[in-house]
PDB file of all heavy atoms in Angstrom:
ATOM      1  N   GLY A   1       0.798  -1.220  -0.049  1.00  0.00           N
ATOM      2  CA  GLY A   1      -0.030  -0.032   0.034  1.00  0.00           C
ATOM      3  C   GLY A   1       0.853   1.294  -0.047  1.00  0.00           C
ATOM      4  O   GLY A   1       0.398   2.323   0.453  1.00  0.00           O
ATOM      5  N   GLY A   2       2.022   1.127  -0.381  1.00  0.00           N
ATOM      6  CA  GLY A   2       2.963   2.267  -0.581  1.00  0.00           C
ATOM      7  C   GLY A   2       3.633   2.643   0.827  1.00  0.00           C
ATOM      8  O   GLY A   2       4.273   3.640   0.910  1.00  0.00           O
ATOM      9  N   ALA A   3       3.667   1.718   1.780  1.00  0.00           N
ATOM     10  CA  ALA A   3       4.204   1.933   3.073  1.00  0.00           C
ATOM     11  C   ALA A   3       5.781   1.574   2.903  1.00  0.00           C
ATOM     12  O   ALA A   3       6.192   0.542   2.631  1.00  0.00           O
ATOM     13  CB  ALA A   3       3.650   1.017   4.157  1.00  0.00           C
ATOM     14  N   ARG A   4       6.556   2.652   3.086  1.00  0.00           N
ATOM     15  CA  ARG A   4       7.963   2.579   2.877  1.00  0.00           C
ATOM     16  C   ARG A   4       8.727   3.250   4.099  1.00  0.00           C
ATOM     17  O   ARG A   4       8.145   4.136   4.685  1.00  0.00           O
ATOM     18  CB  ARG A   4       8.434   3.090   1.589  1.00  0.00           C
ATOM     19  CG  ARG A   4       7.724   2.451   0.340  1.00  0.00           C
ATOM     20  CD  ARG A   4       8.254   3.140  -0.955  1.00  0.00           C
ATOM     21  NE  ARG A   4       9.684   2.728  -1.177  1.00  0.00           N
ATOM     22  CZ  ARG A   4      10.556   3.456  -1.927  1.00  0.00           C
ATOM     23  NH1 ARG A   4      10.143   4.527  -2.482  1.00  0.00           N
ATOM     24  NH2 ARG A   4      11.697   3.010  -2.055  1.00  0.00           N
ATOM     25  N   PRO A   5       9.982   2.876   4.331  1.00  0.00           N
ATOM     26  CA  PRO A   5      10.789   1.862   3.679  1.00  0.00           C
ATOM     27  C   PRO A   5      10.391   0.463   4.112  1.00  0.00           C
ATOM     28  O   PRO A   5       9.843   0.174   5.189  1.00  0.00           O
ATOM     29  CB  PRO A   5      12.200   2.235   4.153  1.00  0.00           C
ATOM     30  CG  PRO A   5      11.979   2.724   5.552  1.00  0.00           C
ATOM     31  CD  PRO A   5      10.694   3.519   5.438  1.00  0.00           C
ATOM     32  N   VAL A   6      10.620  -0.529   3.189  1.00  0.00           N
ATOM     33  CA  VAL A   6      10.473  -1.923   3.560  1.00  0.00           C
ATOM     34  C   VAL A   6      11.792  -2.345   4.163  1.00  0.00           C
ATOM     35  O   VAL A   6      12.826  -2.249   3.529  1.00  0.00           O
ATOM     36  CB  VAL A   6      10.223  -2.704   2.267  1.00  0.00           C
ATOM     37  CG1 VAL A   6      10.186  -4.236   2.595  1.00  0.00           C
ATOM     38  CG2 VAL A   6       8.936  -2.239   1.527  1.00  0.00           C
ATOM     39  N   ARG A   7      11.807  -2.719   5.400  1.00  0.00           N
ATOM     40  CA  ARG A   7      13.016  -3.037   6.077  1.00  0.00           C
ATOM     41  C   ARG A   7      13.157  -4.586   6.354  1.00  0.00           C
ATOM     42  O   ARG A   7      12.187  -5.273   6.570  1.00  0.00           O
ATOM     43  CB  ARG A   7      12.956  -2.415   7.491  1.00  0.00           C
ATOM     44  CG  ARG A   7      12.915  -0.937   7.558  1.00  0.00           C
ATOM     45  CD  ARG A   7      12.957  -0.418   8.961  1.00  0.00           C
ATOM     46  NE  ARG A   7      12.922   1.007   9.124  1.00  0.00           N
ATOM     47  CZ  ARG A   7      11.807   1.767   9.181  1.00  0.00           C
ATOM     48  NH1 ARG A   7      10.670   1.221   9.240  1.00  0.00           N
ATOM     49  NH2 ARG A   7      11.854   3.125   9.358  1.00  0.00           N
ATOM     50  N   ILE A   8      14.366  -5.067   6.269  1.00  0.00           N
ATOM     51  CA  ILE A   8      14.888  -6.274   6.745  1.00  0.00           C
ATOM     52  C   ILE A   8      15.874  -6.019   7.876  1.00  0.00           C
ATOM     53  O   ILE A   8      16.497  -5.021   7.904  1.00  0.00           O
ATOM     54  CB  ILE A   8      15.411  -7.195   5.705  1.00  0.00           C
ATOM     55  CG1 ILE A   8      16.471  -6.516   4.891  1.00  0.00           C
ATOM     56  CG2 ILE A   8      14.221  -7.525   4.672  1.00  0.00           C
ATOM     57  CD1 ILE A   8      17.167  -7.353   3.842  1.00  0.00           C
ATOM     58  N   GLY A   9      15.972  -7.102   8.767  1.00  0.00           N
ATOM     59  CA  GLY A   9      16.782  -6.806   9.926  1.00  0.00           C
ATOM     60  C   GLY A   9      16.059  -6.003  10.903  1.00  0.00           C
ATOM     61  O   GLY A   9      14.823  -5.529  10.615  1.00  0.00           O
ATOM     62  N   ASN A  10      16.546  -5.721  12.085  1.00  0.00           N
ATOM     63  CA  ASN A  10      15.879  -4.977  13.068  1.00  0.00           C
ATOM     64  C   ASN A  10      16.800  -4.313  13.997  1.00  0.00           C
ATOM     65  O   ASN A  10      17.536  -5.005  14.840  1.00  0.00           O
ATOM     66  CB  ASN A  10      14.931  -5.851  13.814  1.00  0.00           C
ATOM     67  CG  ASN A  10      13.774  -5.179  14.565  1.00  0.00           C
ATOM     68  OD1 ASN A  10      14.017  -4.176  15.167  1.00  0.00           O
ATOM     69  ND2 ASN A  10      12.587  -5.607  14.314  1.00  0.00           N
ATOM     70  N   ASP A  11      16.847  -2.987  13.950  1.00  0.00           N
ATOM     71  CA  ASP A  11      17.694  -2.289  14.856  1.00  0.00           C
ATOM     72  C   ASP A  11      17.284  -2.307  16.365  1.00  0.00           C
ATOM     73  O   ASP A  11      18.177  -1.964  17.198  1.00  0.00           O
ATOM     74  CB  ASP A  11      17.832  -0.730  14.466  1.00  0.00           C
ATOM     75  CG  ASP A  11      18.661  -0.561  13.102  1.00  0.00           C
ATOM     76  OD1 ASP A  11      19.317  -1.470  12.835  1.00  0.00           O
ATOM     77  OD2 ASP A  11      18.652   0.507  12.606  1.00  0.00           O
ATOM     78  N   ALA A  12      16.062  -2.658  16.620  1.00  0.00           N
ATOM     79  CA  ALA A  12      15.691  -2.835  17.973  1.00  0.00           C
ATOM     80  C   ALA A  12      16.419  -3.796  18.697  1.00  0.00           C
ATOM     81  O   ALA A  12      16.525  -3.945  19.951  1.00  0.00           O
ATOM     82  CB  ALA A  12      14.103  -3.140  17.969  1.00  0.00           C
ATOM     83  N   ALA A  13      17.083  -4.767  17.971  1.00  0.00           N
ATOM     84  CA  ALA A  13      17.900  -5.821  18.502  1.00  0.00           C
ATOM     85  C   ALA A  13      19.047  -5.193  19.445  1.00  0.00           C
ATOM     86  O   ALA A  13      19.535  -5.817  20.422  1.00  0.00           O
ATOM     87  CB  ALA A  13      18.580  -6.667  17.480  1.00  0.00           C
ATOM     88  N   GLY A  14      19.389  -3.957  19.136  1.00  0.00           N
ATOM     89  CA  GLY A  14      20.512  -3.299  19.893  1.00  0.00           C
ATOM     90  C   GLY A  14      20.000  -2.369  21.053  1.00  0.00           C
ATOM     91  O   GLY A  14      20.786  -1.765  21.744  1.00  0.00           O
ATOM     92  N   GLN A  15      18.651  -2.325  21.218  1.00  0.00           N
ATOM     93  CA  GLN A  15      18.147  -1.511  22.306  1.00  0.00           C
ATOM     94  C   GLN A  15      18.202  -2.206  23.679  1.00  0.00           C
ATOM     95  O   GLN A  15      18.435  -3.390  23.745  1.00  0.00           O
ATOM     96  CB  GLN A  15      16.524  -1.281  21.961  1.00  0.00           C
ATOM     97  CG  GLN A  15      16.229  -0.351  20.906  1.00  0.00           C
ATOM     98  CD  GLN A  15      14.818  -0.104  20.738  1.00  0.00           C
ATOM     99  OE1 GLN A  15      13.890  -0.930  21.280  1.00  0.00           O
ATOM    100  NE2 GLN A  15      14.413   0.949  20.112  1.00  0.00           N
ATOM    101  N   VAL A  16      18.128  -1.379  24.635  1.00  0.00           N
ATOM    102  CA  VAL A  16      18.036  -1.850  25.991  1.00  0.00           C
ATOM    103  C   VAL A  16      16.538  -1.925  26.337  1.00  0.00           C
ATOM    104  O   VAL A  16      15.824  -0.985  26.345  1.00  0.00           O
ATOM    105  CB  VAL A  16      18.761  -0.916  27.071  1.00  0.00           C
ATOM    106  CG1 VAL A  16      18.570  -1.365  28.493  1.00  0.00           C
ATOM    107  CG2 VAL A  16      20.253  -0.814  26.782  1.00  0.00           C
ATOM    108  N   GLN A  17      16.103  -3.157  26.625  1.00  0.00           N
ATOM    109  CA  GLN A  17      14.711  -3.456  26.989  1.00  0.00           C
ATOM    110  C   GLN A  17      14.773  -4.389  28.250  1.00  0.00           C
ATOM    111  O   GLN A  17      14.906  -5.625  28.076  1.00  0.00           O
ATOM    112  CB  GLN A  17      13.932  -4.053  25.885  1.00  0.00           C
ATOM    113  CG  GLN A  17      13.877  -3.248  24.634  1.00  0.00           C
ATOM    114  CD  GLN A  17      13.169  -3.917  23.379  1.00  0.00           C
ATOM    115  OE1 GLN A  17      12.303  -4.835  23.756  1.00  0.00           O
ATOM    116  NE2 GLN A  17      13.411  -3.432  22.216  1.00  0.00           N
ATOM    117  N   LEU A  18      14.567  -3.808  29.406  1.00  0.00           N
ATOM    118  CA  LEU A  18      14.807  -4.554  30.657  1.00  0.00           C
ATOM    119  C   LEU A  18      13.694  -5.565  30.900  1.00  0.00           C
ATOM    120  O   LEU A  18      13.861  -6.552  31.717  1.00  0.00           O
ATOM    121  CB  LEU A  18      14.929  -3.535  31.855  1.00  0.00           C
ATOM    122  CG  LEU A  18      16.020  -2.516  31.757  1.00  0.00           C
ATOM    123  CD1 LEU A  18      16.102  -1.750  33.047  1.00  0.00           C
ATOM    124  CD2 LEU A  18      17.372  -3.252  31.578  1.00  0.00           C
ATOM    125  N   ASP A  19      12.508  -5.411  30.219  1.00  0.00           N
ATOM    126  CA  ASP A  19      11.420  -6.389  30.586  1.00  0.00           C
ATOM    127  C   ASP A  19      11.785  -7.742  30.060  1.00  0.00           C
ATOM    128  O   ASP A  19      11.224  -8.788  30.609  1.00  0.00           O
ATOM    129  CB  ASP A  19      10.165  -5.887  29.877  1.00  0.00           C
ATOM    130  CG  ASP A  19      10.328  -5.938  28.263  1.00  0.00           C
ATOM    131  OD1 ASP A  19      11.028  -5.130  27.699  1.00  0.00           O
ATOM    132  OD2 ASP A  19       9.732  -6.806  27.713  1.00  0.00           O
ATOM    133  N   ILE A  20      12.745  -7.974  29.173  1.00  0.00           N
ATOM    134  CA  ILE A  20      13.051  -9.255  28.677  1.00  0.00           C
ATOM    135  C   ILE A  20      13.515 -10.218  29.733  1.00  0.00           C
ATOM    136  O   ILE A  20      13.268 -11.383  29.665  1.00  0.00           O
ATOM    137  CB  ILE A  20      14.039  -9.267  27.502  1.00  0.00           C
ATOM    138  CG1 ILE A  20      15.363  -8.751  27.946  1.00  0.00           C
ATOM    139  CG2 ILE A  20      13.447  -8.431  26.335  1.00  0.00           C
ATOM    140  CD1 ILE A  20      16.497  -8.976  26.951  1.00  0.00           C
ATOM    141  N   TYR A  21      14.134  -9.659  30.862  1.00  0.00           N
ATOM    142  CA  TYR A  21      14.571 -10.518  31.860  1.00  0.00           C
ATOM    143  C   TYR A  21      13.501 -11.175  32.614  1.00  0.00           C
ATOM    144  O   TYR A  21      13.514 -12.338  33.025  1.00  0.00           O
ATOM    145  CB  TYR A  21      15.459  -9.771  32.869  1.00  0.00           C
ATOM    146  CG  TYR A  21      16.687  -9.257  32.229  1.00  0.00           C
ATOM    147  CD1 TYR A  21      16.877  -7.951  31.719  1.00  0.00           C
ATOM    148  CD2 TYR A  21      17.796 -10.200  31.923  1.00  0.00           C
ATOM    149  CE1 TYR A  21      17.939  -7.531  31.100  1.00  0.00           C
ATOM    150  CE2 TYR A  21      18.978  -9.666  31.346  1.00  0.00           C
ATOM    151  CZ  TYR A  21      19.024  -8.379  30.828  1.00  0.00           C
ATOM    152  OH  TYR A  21      20.162  -7.974  30.246  1.00  0.00           O
ATOM    153  N   GLY A  22      12.339 -10.531  32.809  1.00  0.00           N
ATOM    154  CA  GLY A  22      11.162 -11.008  33.416  1.00  0.00           C
ATOM    155  C   GLY A  22      10.585 -12.181  32.467  1.00  0.00           C
ATOM    156  O   GLY A  22      10.232 -13.220  33.056  1.00  0.00           O
ATOM    157  N   GLU A  23      10.382 -11.900  31.231  1.00  0.00           N
ATOM    158  CA  GLU A  23       9.914 -12.864  30.349  1.00  0.00           C
ATOM    159  C   GLU A  23      10.770 -14.097  30.304  1.00  0.00           C
ATOM    160  O   GLU A  23      10.304 -15.290  30.276  1.00  0.00           O
ATOM    161  CB  GLU A  23       9.682 -12.379  28.973  1.00  0.00           C
ATOM    162  CG  GLU A  23       8.458 -11.510  28.834  1.00  0.00           C
ATOM    163  CD  GLU A  23       8.703 -10.002  28.886  1.00  0.00           C
ATOM    164  OE1 GLU A  23       9.983  -9.701  28.958  1.00  0.00           O
ATOM    165  OE2 GLU A  23       7.885  -9.194  28.828  1.00  0.00           O
ATOM    166  N   LEU A  24      12.187 -13.912  30.274  1.00  0.00           N
ATOM    167  CA  LEU A  24      13.024 -14.924  30.301  1.00  0.00           C
ATOM    168  C   LEU A  24      12.920 -15.853  31.562  1.00  0.00           C
ATOM    169  O   LEU A  24      12.858 -17.120  31.419  1.00  0.00           O
ATOM    170  CB  LEU A  24      14.461 -14.473  30.155  1.00  0.00           C
ATOM    171  CG  LEU A  24      15.666 -15.511  30.213  1.00  0.00           C
ATOM    172  CD1 LEU A  24      15.665 -16.396  29.120  1.00  0.00           C
ATOM    173  CD2 LEU A  24      16.986 -14.832  30.519  1.00  0.00           C
ATOM    174  N   LEU A  25      13.024 -15.222  32.717  1.00  0.00           N
ATOM    175  CA  LEU A  25      12.905 -16.036  33.935  1.00  0.00           C
ATOM    176  C   LEU A  25      11.578 -16.675  34.114  1.00  0.00           C
ATOM    177  O   LEU A  25      11.446 -17.771  34.635  1.00  0.00           O
ATOM    178  CB  LEU A  25      13.212 -15.131  35.087  1.00  0.00           C
ATOM    179  CG  LEU A  25      14.665 -15.105  35.493  1.00  0.00           C
ATOM    180  CD1 LEU A  25      15.086 -16.527  35.983  1.00  0.00           C
ATOM    181  CD2 LEU A  25      15.662 -14.759  34.432  1.00  0.00           C
ATOM    182  N   ASP A  26      10.512 -15.953  33.617  1.00  0.00           N
ATOM    183  CA  ASP A  26       9.117 -16.574  33.792  1.00  0.00           C
ATOM    184  C   ASP A  26       9.007 -17.874  32.944  1.00  0.00           C
ATOM    185  O   ASP A  26       8.513 -18.875  33.329  1.00  0.00           O
ATOM    186  CB  ASP A  26       8.085 -15.600  33.271  1.00  0.00           C
ATOM    187  CG  ASP A  26       6.706 -15.865  33.854  1.00  0.00           C
ATOM    188  OD1 ASP A  26       6.580 -16.494  34.864  1.00  0.00           O
ATOM    189  OD2 ASP A  26       5.716 -15.509  33.100  1.00  0.00           O
ATOM    190  N   SER A  27       9.672 -17.809  31.730  1.00  0.00           N
ATOM    191  CA  SER A  27       9.605 -18.993  30.875  1.00  0.00           C
ATOM    192  C   SER A  27      10.343 -20.131  31.478  1.00  0.00           C
ATOM    193  O   SER A  27      10.004 -21.329  31.377  1.00  0.00           O
ATOM    194  CB  SER A  27      10.050 -18.615  29.474  1.00  0.00           C
ATOM    195  OG  SER A  27      11.440 -18.297  29.456  1.00  0.00           O
ATOM    196  N   ILE A  28      11.584 -19.796  32.039  1.00  0.00           N
ATOM    197  CA  ILE A  28      12.338 -20.811  32.626  1.00  0.00           C
ATOM    198  C   ILE A  28      11.655 -21.430  33.913  1.00  0.00           C
ATOM    199  O   ILE A  28      11.629 -22.665  34.053  1.00  0.00           O
ATOM    200  CB  ILE A  28      13.841 -20.299  33.072  1.00  0.00           C
ATOM    201  CG1 ILE A  28      14.601 -19.878  31.694  1.00  0.00           C
ATOM    202  CG2 ILE A  28      14.482 -21.186  33.922  1.00  0.00           C
ATOM    203  CD1 ILE A  28      15.871 -19.137  32.070  1.00  0.00           C
TER     204      ILE A  28
END
């Protein structure tokens, strides 16, 4: 529908997101 840019890869991989530790430990 004209939505650009079309991205591959993800720069969010380099962000600090502290919530992931809770999801990690909850899953374990």
